[in-house]
N, C-alpha and C. Protein backbone atom coordinates (compact mmCIF):
# COMPACT_ATOMS: atom_id res chain seq x y z
N MET A 1 -54.72 54.64 -37.79
CA MET A 1 -54.29 55.10 -39.10
C MET A 1 -53.50 56.40 -38.98
N LEU A 2 -53.98 57.32 -38.15
CA LEU A 2 -53.29 58.59 -37.96
C LEU A 2 -51.92 58.38 -37.33
N LEU A 3 -51.82 57.40 -36.43
CA LEU A 3 -50.54 57.08 -35.79
C LEU A 3 -49.53 56.60 -36.84
N ILE A 4 -49.98 55.75 -37.75
CA ILE A 4 -49.10 55.24 -38.80
C ILE A 4 -48.68 56.37 -39.73
N GLN A 5 -49.62 57.24 -40.09
CA GLN A 5 -49.29 58.39 -40.95
C GLN A 5 -48.26 59.29 -40.29
N ASN A 6 -48.45 59.58 -39.01
CA ASN A 6 -47.49 60.43 -38.30
C ASN A 6 -46.11 59.78 -38.21
N LEU A 7 -46.10 58.48 -37.99
CA LEU A 7 -44.83 57.75 -37.93
C LEU A 7 -44.12 57.80 -39.28
N ILE A 8 -44.85 57.52 -40.35
CA ILE A 8 -44.27 57.57 -41.71
C ILE A 8 -43.80 58.98 -42.02
N ASP A 9 -44.57 59.99 -41.63
CA ASP A 9 -44.16 61.37 -41.88
C ASP A 9 -42.86 61.71 -41.15
N ARG A 10 -42.75 61.29 -39.91
CA ARG A 10 -41.52 61.55 -39.15
C ARG A 10 -40.32 60.84 -39.76
N ILE A 11 -40.52 59.59 -40.15
CA ILE A 11 -39.43 58.82 -40.76
C ILE A 11 -39.00 59.46 -42.07
N THR A 12 -39.96 59.81 -42.92
CA THR A 12 -39.60 60.37 -44.23
C THR A 12 -38.95 61.75 -44.09
N LYS A 13 -39.40 62.54 -43.13
CA LYS A 13 -38.75 63.85 -42.90
C LYS A 13 -37.33 63.67 -42.39
N SER A 14 -37.12 62.70 -41.51
CA SER A 14 -35.77 62.42 -41.01
C SER A 14 -34.85 61.95 -42.14
N LEU A 15 -35.37 61.09 -42.99
CA LEU A 15 -34.57 60.61 -44.13
C LEU A 15 -34.28 61.74 -45.11
N LEU A 16 -35.21 62.67 -45.25
CA LEU A 16 -34.99 63.84 -46.11
C LEU A 16 -33.83 64.68 -45.57
N VAL A 17 -33.79 64.87 -44.26
CA VAL A 17 -32.70 65.64 -43.65
C VAL A 17 -31.37 64.93 -43.85
N ILE A 18 -31.36 63.63 -43.68
CA ILE A 18 -30.13 62.85 -43.90
C ILE A 18 -29.68 62.99 -45.35
N ALA A 19 -30.61 62.93 -46.28
CA ALA A 19 -30.28 63.08 -47.70
C ALA A 19 -29.71 64.46 -47.99
N ALA A 20 -30.28 65.48 -47.38
CA ALA A 20 -29.79 66.85 -47.58
C ALA A 20 -28.38 67.02 -47.04
N VAL A 21 -28.12 66.47 -45.86
CA VAL A 21 -26.78 66.55 -45.28
C VAL A 21 -25.78 65.80 -46.15
N LEU A 22 -26.17 64.62 -46.63
CA LEU A 22 -25.30 63.85 -47.51
C LEU A 22 -25.01 64.61 -48.80
N ALA A 23 -26.01 65.23 -49.38
CA ALA A 23 -25.81 66.02 -50.61
C ALA A 23 -24.88 67.20 -50.33
N PHE A 24 -25.05 67.85 -49.18
CA PHE A 24 -24.19 68.97 -48.81
C PHE A 24 -22.74 68.52 -48.67
N LEU A 25 -22.52 67.41 -47.98
CA LEU A 25 -21.17 66.89 -47.81
C LEU A 25 -20.57 66.43 -49.13
N LEU A 26 -21.40 65.90 -49.99
CA LEU A 26 -20.95 65.45 -51.30
C LEU A 26 -20.41 66.62 -52.13
N CYS A 27 -20.99 67.78 -51.94
CA CYS A 27 -20.50 68.99 -52.65
C CYS A 27 -19.05 69.26 -52.30
N PHE A 28 -18.70 69.13 -51.02
CA PHE A 28 -17.32 69.36 -50.60
C PHE A 28 -16.38 68.33 -51.21
N LEU A 29 -16.81 67.09 -51.28
CA LEU A 29 -15.98 66.05 -51.88
C LEU A 29 -15.72 66.34 -53.35
N VAL A 30 -16.75 66.73 -54.07
CA VAL A 30 -16.59 67.01 -55.50
C VAL A 30 -15.68 68.23 -55.72
N VAL A 31 -15.88 69.27 -54.92
CA VAL A 31 -15.02 70.46 -55.05
C VAL A 31 -13.57 70.11 -54.73
N ALA A 32 -13.36 69.35 -53.67
CA ALA A 32 -12.00 68.94 -53.30
C ALA A 32 -11.38 68.08 -54.40
N ASP A 33 -12.18 67.20 -55.00
CA ASP A 33 -11.67 66.37 -56.09
C ASP A 33 -11.27 67.22 -57.29
N VAL A 34 -12.12 68.17 -57.65
CA VAL A 34 -11.81 69.05 -58.79
C VAL A 34 -10.58 69.90 -58.51
N LEU A 35 -10.50 70.48 -57.32
CA LEU A 35 -9.33 71.29 -56.97
C LEU A 35 -8.05 70.44 -56.96
N GLY A 36 -8.15 69.25 -56.42
CA GLY A 36 -7.00 68.36 -56.43
C GLY A 36 -6.58 67.98 -57.84
N ARG A 37 -7.54 67.78 -58.69
CA ARG A 37 -7.24 67.42 -60.08
C ARG A 37 -6.62 68.59 -60.83
N VAL A 38 -7.17 69.80 -60.64
CA VAL A 38 -6.70 70.98 -61.38
C VAL A 38 -5.39 71.52 -60.82
N LEU A 39 -5.32 71.68 -59.49
CA LEU A 39 -4.16 72.32 -58.89
C LEU A 39 -2.96 71.40 -58.70
N PHE A 40 -3.22 70.16 -58.34
CA PHE A 40 -2.12 69.26 -57.99
C PHE A 40 -2.02 68.04 -58.91
N ASN A 41 -2.90 67.99 -59.91
CA ASN A 41 -2.96 66.85 -60.82
C ASN A 41 -3.09 65.53 -60.04
N SER A 42 -3.85 65.60 -58.95
CA SER A 42 -4.03 64.43 -58.09
C SER A 42 -5.46 64.43 -57.54
N PRO A 43 -6.40 63.81 -58.25
CA PRO A 43 -7.78 63.78 -57.75
C PRO A 43 -7.90 62.87 -56.54
N ILE A 44 -8.97 63.04 -55.81
CA ILE A 44 -9.24 62.18 -54.66
C ILE A 44 -9.68 60.82 -55.17
N LYS A 45 -9.01 59.80 -54.69
CA LYS A 45 -9.30 58.44 -55.14
C LYS A 45 -10.70 58.00 -54.68
N GLY A 46 -11.44 57.40 -55.57
CA GLY A 46 -12.75 56.85 -55.23
C GLY A 46 -13.90 57.83 -55.28
N THR A 47 -13.64 59.06 -55.72
CA THR A 47 -14.72 60.05 -55.76
C THR A 47 -15.84 59.60 -56.68
N THR A 48 -15.50 59.06 -57.83
CA THR A 48 -16.53 58.60 -58.77
C THR A 48 -17.43 57.56 -58.14
N GLU A 49 -16.84 56.60 -57.47
CA GLU A 49 -17.63 55.54 -56.84
C GLU A 49 -18.50 56.09 -55.71
N LEU A 50 -17.91 56.96 -54.89
CA LEU A 50 -18.68 57.54 -53.78
C LEU A 50 -19.84 58.39 -54.29
N VAL A 51 -19.59 59.18 -55.32
CA VAL A 51 -20.64 60.04 -55.85
C VAL A 51 -21.75 59.20 -56.48
N SER A 52 -21.39 58.19 -57.27
CA SER A 52 -22.43 57.40 -57.94
C SER A 52 -23.32 56.66 -56.94
N LEU A 53 -22.73 56.10 -55.90
CA LEU A 53 -23.54 55.41 -54.89
C LEU A 53 -24.31 56.41 -54.02
N SER A 54 -23.71 57.55 -53.74
CA SER A 54 -24.38 58.56 -52.92
C SER A 54 -25.61 59.13 -53.62
N ILE A 55 -25.54 59.28 -54.92
CA ILE A 55 -26.71 59.80 -55.65
C ILE A 55 -27.89 58.85 -55.53
N VAL A 56 -27.63 57.56 -55.61
CA VAL A 56 -28.70 56.57 -55.42
C VAL A 56 -29.27 56.69 -54.01
N ILE A 57 -28.39 56.80 -53.03
CA ILE A 57 -28.83 56.91 -51.64
C ILE A 57 -29.65 58.18 -51.44
N ILE A 58 -29.18 59.30 -51.95
CA ILE A 58 -29.89 60.57 -51.79
C ILE A 58 -31.28 60.50 -52.42
N CYS A 59 -31.35 59.96 -53.63
CA CYS A 59 -32.65 59.88 -54.32
C CYS A 59 -33.66 59.04 -53.56
N PHE A 60 -33.24 57.87 -53.10
CA PHE A 60 -34.20 56.98 -52.46
C PHE A 60 -34.48 57.35 -51.01
N LEU A 61 -33.61 58.13 -50.37
CA LEU A 61 -33.94 58.64 -49.04
C LEU A 61 -35.05 59.69 -49.12
N GLN A 62 -35.16 60.37 -50.26
CA GLN A 62 -36.14 61.43 -50.42
C GLN A 62 -37.47 60.96 -50.99
N THR A 63 -37.54 59.77 -51.50
CA THR A 63 -38.73 59.30 -52.20
C THR A 63 -39.98 59.34 -51.34
N GLY A 64 -39.90 58.82 -50.14
CA GLY A 64 -41.07 58.79 -49.26
C GLY A 64 -41.60 60.18 -48.96
N PHE A 65 -40.70 61.13 -48.70
CA PHE A 65 -41.14 62.49 -48.42
C PHE A 65 -41.76 63.13 -49.67
N ALA A 66 -41.17 62.87 -50.82
CA ALA A 66 -41.72 63.43 -52.07
C ALA A 66 -43.16 62.98 -52.27
N ILE A 67 -43.43 61.75 -51.96
CA ILE A 67 -44.80 61.22 -52.12
C ILE A 67 -45.72 61.81 -51.06
N ARG A 68 -45.30 61.78 -49.81
CA ARG A 68 -46.15 62.27 -48.72
C ARG A 68 -46.44 63.76 -48.83
N SER A 69 -45.51 64.52 -49.42
CA SER A 69 -45.70 65.97 -49.51
C SER A 69 -46.36 66.40 -50.82
N GLY A 70 -46.70 65.45 -51.67
CA GLY A 70 -47.35 65.77 -52.94
C GLY A 70 -46.38 66.22 -54.01
N GLY A 71 -45.13 65.86 -53.88
CA GLY A 71 -44.11 66.27 -54.84
C GLY A 71 -44.06 65.44 -56.10
N MET A 72 -44.86 64.41 -56.20
CA MET A 72 -44.87 63.58 -57.41
C MET A 72 -45.78 64.24 -58.45
N LEU A 73 -45.47 63.96 -59.69
CA LEU A 73 -46.21 64.56 -60.80
C LEU A 73 -47.67 64.14 -60.76
N ASN A 74 -48.55 65.12 -60.94
CA ASN A 74 -49.98 64.84 -60.90
C ASN A 74 -50.65 65.71 -61.96
N VAL A 75 -51.17 65.07 -63.00
CA VAL A 75 -51.85 65.80 -64.06
C VAL A 75 -53.35 65.60 -63.86
N ASP A 76 -54.06 66.70 -63.62
CA ASP A 76 -55.48 66.59 -63.32
C ASP A 76 -56.36 67.24 -64.39
N MET A 77 -55.84 67.31 -65.60
CA MET A 77 -56.58 67.95 -66.68
C MET A 77 -57.95 67.28 -66.91
N PHE A 78 -57.98 65.96 -66.85
CA PHE A 78 -59.23 65.24 -67.08
C PHE A 78 -59.98 64.94 -65.79
N THR A 79 -59.24 64.60 -64.74
CA THR A 79 -59.91 64.22 -63.50
C THR A 79 -60.58 65.40 -62.82
N SER A 80 -60.11 66.62 -63.06
CA SER A 80 -60.74 67.78 -62.44
C SER A 80 -62.16 68.00 -62.96
N LYS A 81 -62.49 67.41 -64.09
CA LYS A 81 -63.83 67.53 -64.67
C LYS A 81 -64.81 66.55 -64.05
N LEU A 82 -64.29 65.57 -63.30
CA LEU A 82 -65.14 64.58 -62.65
C LEU A 82 -65.70 65.13 -61.35
N GLY A 83 -66.68 64.45 -60.84
CA GLY A 83 -67.22 64.79 -59.53
C GLY A 83 -66.26 64.34 -58.44
N ALA A 84 -66.64 64.62 -57.20
CA ALA A 84 -65.78 64.30 -56.06
C ALA A 84 -65.46 62.81 -55.99
N ARG A 85 -66.49 61.97 -56.15
CA ARG A 85 -66.25 60.52 -56.08
C ARG A 85 -65.39 60.04 -57.23
N GLY A 86 -65.61 60.55 -58.41
CA GLY A 86 -64.80 60.17 -59.57
C GLY A 86 -63.34 60.57 -59.38
N GLN A 87 -63.14 61.76 -58.82
CA GLN A 87 -61.77 62.20 -58.56
C GLN A 87 -61.10 61.30 -57.52
N CYS A 88 -61.85 60.90 -56.52
CA CYS A 88 -61.31 60.01 -55.50
C CYS A 88 -60.97 58.64 -56.08
N VAL A 89 -61.83 58.14 -56.95
CA VAL A 89 -61.57 56.85 -57.58
C VAL A 89 -60.29 56.93 -58.41
N MET A 90 -60.16 57.98 -59.21
CA MET A 90 -58.97 58.14 -60.05
C MET A 90 -57.72 58.33 -59.19
N ALA A 91 -57.83 59.10 -58.12
CA ALA A 91 -56.69 59.30 -57.22
C ALA A 91 -56.29 57.99 -56.56
N ALA A 92 -57.29 57.19 -56.16
CA ALA A 92 -57.00 55.90 -55.54
C ALA A 92 -56.34 54.95 -56.55
N ILE A 93 -56.81 54.97 -57.78
CA ILE A 93 -56.20 54.12 -58.81
C ILE A 93 -54.75 54.55 -59.06
N GLY A 94 -54.50 55.85 -59.12
CA GLY A 94 -53.14 56.34 -59.30
C GLY A 94 -52.24 55.96 -58.14
N ALA A 95 -52.75 56.09 -56.92
CA ALA A 95 -51.97 55.72 -55.75
C ALA A 95 -51.74 54.21 -55.70
N LEU A 96 -52.73 53.44 -56.13
CA LEU A 96 -52.56 51.99 -56.19
C LEU A 96 -51.46 51.63 -57.19
N GLY A 97 -51.44 52.32 -58.33
CA GLY A 97 -50.38 52.10 -59.31
C GLY A 97 -49.01 52.43 -58.74
N GLY A 98 -48.91 53.54 -58.01
CA GLY A 98 -47.65 53.89 -57.37
C GLY A 98 -47.23 52.87 -56.34
N MET A 99 -48.20 52.39 -55.56
CA MET A 99 -47.91 51.38 -54.55
C MET A 99 -47.38 50.11 -55.20
N LEU A 100 -48.02 49.67 -56.27
CA LEU A 100 -47.56 48.46 -56.97
C LEU A 100 -46.20 48.67 -57.60
N PHE A 101 -46.00 49.82 -58.24
CA PHE A 101 -44.72 50.11 -58.90
C PHE A 101 -43.56 50.05 -57.90
N PHE A 102 -43.68 50.79 -56.80
CA PHE A 102 -42.60 50.80 -55.81
C PHE A 102 -42.51 49.48 -55.05
N GLY A 103 -43.64 48.81 -54.87
CA GLY A 103 -43.62 47.50 -54.22
C GLY A 103 -42.87 46.47 -55.05
N ILE A 104 -43.06 46.50 -56.36
CA ILE A 104 -42.34 45.57 -57.24
C ILE A 104 -40.85 45.87 -57.22
N ILE A 105 -40.49 47.14 -57.24
CA ILE A 105 -39.07 47.50 -57.17
C ILE A 105 -38.47 47.04 -55.84
N CYS A 106 -39.20 47.25 -54.76
CA CYS A 106 -38.74 46.84 -53.43
C CYS A 106 -38.51 45.33 -53.38
N TYR A 107 -39.49 44.59 -53.88
CA TYR A 107 -39.38 43.13 -53.90
C TYR A 107 -38.20 42.69 -54.76
N GLY A 108 -38.06 43.29 -55.93
CA GLY A 108 -36.98 42.90 -56.83
C GLY A 108 -35.60 43.29 -56.33
N ALA A 109 -35.52 44.37 -55.58
CA ALA A 109 -34.22 44.85 -55.11
C ALA A 109 -33.77 44.18 -53.82
N SER A 110 -34.68 43.57 -53.08
CA SER A 110 -34.31 43.01 -51.78
C SER A 110 -33.32 41.86 -51.90
N ASP A 111 -33.48 41.00 -52.89
CA ASP A 111 -32.51 39.90 -53.08
C ASP A 111 -31.13 40.45 -53.43
N GLY A 112 -31.08 41.46 -54.28
CA GLY A 112 -29.81 42.06 -54.65
C GLY A 112 -29.11 42.71 -53.46
N ALA A 113 -29.90 43.33 -52.59
CA ALA A 113 -29.32 43.96 -51.40
C ALA A 113 -28.75 42.90 -50.46
N LEU A 114 -29.50 41.84 -50.25
CA LEU A 114 -28.99 40.75 -49.39
C LEU A 114 -27.75 40.12 -49.98
N HIS A 115 -27.76 39.90 -51.30
CA HIS A 115 -26.60 39.30 -51.95
C HIS A 115 -25.38 40.22 -51.83
N ALA A 116 -25.58 41.53 -52.04
CA ALA A 116 -24.47 42.48 -51.94
C ALA A 116 -23.87 42.48 -50.54
N PHE A 117 -24.72 42.33 -49.53
CA PHE A 117 -24.25 42.29 -48.15
C PHE A 117 -23.52 40.98 -47.86
N MET A 118 -24.14 39.86 -48.24
CA MET A 118 -23.57 38.55 -47.95
C MET A 118 -22.27 38.30 -48.72
N ALA A 119 -22.22 38.76 -49.96
CA ALA A 119 -21.03 38.55 -50.80
C ALA A 119 -19.98 39.64 -50.58
N ASN A 120 -20.31 40.62 -49.73
CA ASN A 120 -19.39 41.72 -49.46
C ASN A 120 -18.98 42.41 -50.76
N GLU A 121 -19.99 42.80 -51.53
CA GLU A 121 -19.78 43.39 -52.85
C GLU A 121 -19.27 44.82 -52.72
N PHE A 122 -18.27 45.14 -53.55
CA PHE A 122 -17.67 46.47 -53.55
C PHE A 122 -17.69 47.03 -54.96
N GLU A 123 -17.62 48.36 -55.03
CA GLU A 123 -17.47 49.04 -56.32
C GLU A 123 -16.15 49.79 -56.28
N GLY A 124 -15.42 49.74 -57.37
CA GLY A 124 -14.14 50.43 -57.45
C GLY A 124 -12.99 49.46 -57.27
N GLU A 125 -11.88 49.86 -57.79
CA GLU A 125 -10.67 49.04 -57.71
C GLU A 125 -9.54 49.91 -57.18
N GLY A 126 -8.57 49.29 -56.60
CA GLY A 126 -7.38 50.03 -56.21
C GLY A 126 -7.47 50.65 -54.84
N ALA A 127 -7.20 51.97 -54.80
CA ALA A 127 -7.02 52.67 -53.53
C ALA A 127 -8.27 52.69 -52.66
N LEU A 128 -9.44 52.84 -53.26
CA LEU A 128 -10.66 52.92 -52.47
C LEU A 128 -11.74 52.04 -53.07
N ARG A 129 -12.14 51.09 -52.30
CA ARG A 129 -13.25 50.22 -52.70
C ARG A 129 -14.42 50.54 -51.79
N VAL A 130 -15.57 50.83 -52.40
CA VAL A 130 -16.74 51.29 -51.66
C VAL A 130 -17.76 50.15 -51.59
N PRO A 131 -18.24 49.82 -50.38
CA PRO A 131 -19.27 48.77 -50.29
C PRO A 131 -20.57 49.22 -50.97
N VAL A 132 -21.19 48.28 -51.68
CA VAL A 132 -22.40 48.58 -52.45
C VAL A 132 -23.66 48.37 -51.62
N TRP A 133 -23.60 47.51 -50.62
CA TRP A 133 -24.82 47.14 -49.91
C TRP A 133 -25.55 48.31 -49.24
N PRO A 134 -24.88 49.36 -48.72
CA PRO A 134 -25.68 50.45 -48.14
C PRO A 134 -26.62 51.09 -49.17
N ALA A 135 -26.13 51.32 -50.37
CA ALA A 135 -26.98 51.92 -51.41
C ALA A 135 -28.13 50.99 -51.77
N LYS A 136 -27.85 49.70 -51.84
CA LYS A 136 -28.91 48.76 -52.21
C LYS A 136 -29.95 48.62 -51.10
N PHE A 137 -29.53 48.69 -49.84
CA PHE A 137 -30.50 48.63 -48.75
C PHE A 137 -31.32 49.91 -48.65
N VAL A 138 -30.70 51.06 -48.96
CA VAL A 138 -31.45 52.31 -48.97
C VAL A 138 -32.48 52.29 -50.08
N LEU A 139 -32.14 51.68 -51.22
CA LEU A 139 -33.11 51.53 -52.31
C LEU A 139 -34.31 50.71 -51.83
N VAL A 140 -34.05 49.63 -51.12
CA VAL A 140 -35.14 48.80 -50.59
C VAL A 140 -35.96 49.59 -49.57
N LEU A 141 -35.29 50.29 -48.66
CA LEU A 141 -35.99 51.08 -47.65
C LEU A 141 -36.82 52.18 -48.30
N GLY A 142 -36.24 52.90 -49.24
CA GLY A 142 -36.95 53.99 -49.90
C GLY A 142 -38.16 53.52 -50.68
N THR A 143 -38.02 52.42 -51.40
CA THR A 143 -39.17 51.92 -52.16
C THR A 143 -40.22 51.31 -51.24
N PHE A 144 -39.80 50.74 -50.12
CA PHE A 144 -40.77 50.24 -49.14
C PHE A 144 -41.59 51.39 -48.55
N LEU A 145 -40.90 52.46 -48.13
CA LEU A 145 -41.61 53.62 -47.58
C LEU A 145 -42.50 54.28 -48.64
N ALA A 146 -42.05 54.29 -49.88
CA ALA A 146 -42.86 54.84 -50.97
C ALA A 146 -44.13 54.02 -51.15
N SER A 147 -43.97 52.71 -51.12
CA SER A 147 -45.12 51.82 -51.28
C SER A 147 -46.11 51.98 -50.12
N VAL A 148 -45.60 52.07 -48.90
CA VAL A 148 -46.46 52.28 -47.73
C VAL A 148 -47.16 53.64 -47.83
N SER A 149 -46.43 54.66 -48.26
CA SER A 149 -47.03 55.99 -48.42
C SER A 149 -48.18 55.96 -49.42
N TYR A 150 -47.96 55.29 -50.53
CA TYR A 150 -49.04 55.18 -51.52
C TYR A 150 -50.21 54.35 -50.98
N PHE A 151 -49.93 53.32 -50.20
CA PHE A 151 -50.99 52.52 -49.59
C PHE A 151 -51.86 53.39 -48.69
N LEU A 152 -51.21 54.23 -47.88
CA LEU A 152 -51.96 55.14 -47.01
C LEU A 152 -52.80 56.11 -47.85
N MET A 153 -52.27 56.55 -48.97
CA MET A 153 -53.02 57.44 -49.85
C MET A 153 -54.23 56.73 -50.45
N VAL A 154 -54.08 55.46 -50.81
CA VAL A 154 -55.22 54.69 -51.34
C VAL A 154 -56.34 54.68 -50.32
N ILE A 155 -56.00 54.37 -49.07
CA ILE A 155 -57.02 54.32 -48.01
C ILE A 155 -57.67 55.69 -47.83
N GLN A 156 -56.87 56.75 -47.83
CA GLN A 156 -57.41 58.10 -47.66
C GLN A 156 -58.34 58.47 -48.81
N HIS A 157 -57.94 58.15 -50.03
CA HIS A 157 -58.78 58.50 -51.18
C HIS A 157 -60.10 57.72 -51.16
N ILE A 158 -60.04 56.46 -50.77
CA ILE A 158 -61.28 55.66 -50.67
C ILE A 158 -62.20 56.26 -49.59
N ALA A 159 -61.60 56.63 -48.45
CA ALA A 159 -62.40 57.21 -47.36
C ALA A 159 -63.04 58.53 -47.80
N HIS A 160 -62.29 59.36 -48.49
CA HIS A 160 -62.84 60.63 -48.98
C HIS A 160 -63.95 60.37 -50.01
N GLY A 161 -63.74 59.39 -50.86
CA GLY A 161 -64.74 59.06 -51.87
C GLY A 161 -66.04 58.56 -51.25
N LEU A 162 -65.93 57.75 -50.21
CA LEU A 162 -67.12 57.23 -49.54
C LEU A 162 -67.91 58.36 -48.86
N ARG A 163 -67.19 59.37 -48.39
CA ARG A 163 -67.87 60.52 -47.77
C ARG A 163 -68.35 61.52 -48.81
N GLY A 164 -67.91 61.38 -50.05
CA GLY A 164 -68.28 62.32 -51.10
C GLY A 164 -67.43 63.57 -51.12
N ASP A 165 -66.29 63.54 -50.41
CA ASP A 165 -65.37 64.68 -50.38
C ASP A 165 -64.40 64.60 -51.56
N LEU A 166 -63.81 65.72 -51.88
CA LEU A 166 -62.74 65.73 -52.87
C LEU A 166 -61.52 65.04 -52.29
N PRO A 167 -60.67 64.44 -53.15
CA PRO A 167 -59.46 63.80 -52.62
C PRO A 167 -58.55 64.83 -51.97
N GLU A 168 -57.85 64.38 -50.95
CA GLU A 168 -56.94 65.27 -50.22
C GLU A 168 -55.81 65.69 -51.13
N GLN A 169 -55.53 66.97 -51.14
CA GLN A 169 -54.40 67.50 -51.92
C GLN A 169 -53.20 67.59 -50.99
N TYR A 170 -52.10 67.01 -51.40
CA TYR A 170 -50.89 67.03 -50.60
C TYR A 170 -50.07 68.24 -51.01
N SER A 171 -49.45 68.86 -50.04
CA SER A 171 -48.65 70.05 -50.34
C SER A 171 -47.26 69.89 -49.73
N SER A 172 -46.34 70.73 -50.19
CA SER A 172 -44.97 70.65 -49.71
C SER A 172 -44.84 71.11 -48.26
N SER A 173 -45.87 71.66 -47.67
CA SER A 173 -45.80 72.04 -46.26
C SER A 173 -46.08 70.85 -45.35
N HIS A 174 -46.29 69.69 -45.93
CA HIS A 174 -46.62 68.48 -45.20
C HIS A 174 -45.57 68.15 -44.18
C-alpha cells in the first residue's frame, strides 16, 4: 500500500510540475498575442484554441496532487463533533463519493478521448488547427489518478477508524 501511495505521489507531483511549466509558458503566449494585437494589429493565430485546451490540461494535471495534498474543500463543522471512528466513517464516505465522482467522469470521458484520437479531431479553423485528443486524454488521466487517490484515502480512513485513530489530515506539504 505504501509503495502505491509513493508511486501516486511521485506521479501527481510530476504532473503538477508539468502543469506549472505549461501555465508559465501560456503566460508568454497570451502576452505575445496581446502585444501583437495592440502594437501590430496582428494577433497570434490559434491562441484562443491553445489557451482553452491548455486550461483543461492544466486543471486535470493538478487534480491528483490537489487531492493527495488535502487541497480539496473539506467542511468539518459537524464531523469534528463526532468521535474518532465517526470522523473516519464520514471521511471514508466523503472519499468514496470523490472516488465515484471522478471514476464516473473518467469512464464517461474515455470514449470521447478515443474517438477524438481515432477521428483526428481538431479545434480551430484556418491557420492553426489544434488537436483535441491530448486534452481529452489528460482529462481521463487526471480523473483516473483522482479516483485512485480517493480510493487510497478510503482505505486509509477505514484503517484509522478500525484502530480508533482520527482520520489522517492531508496538508499541502505532502
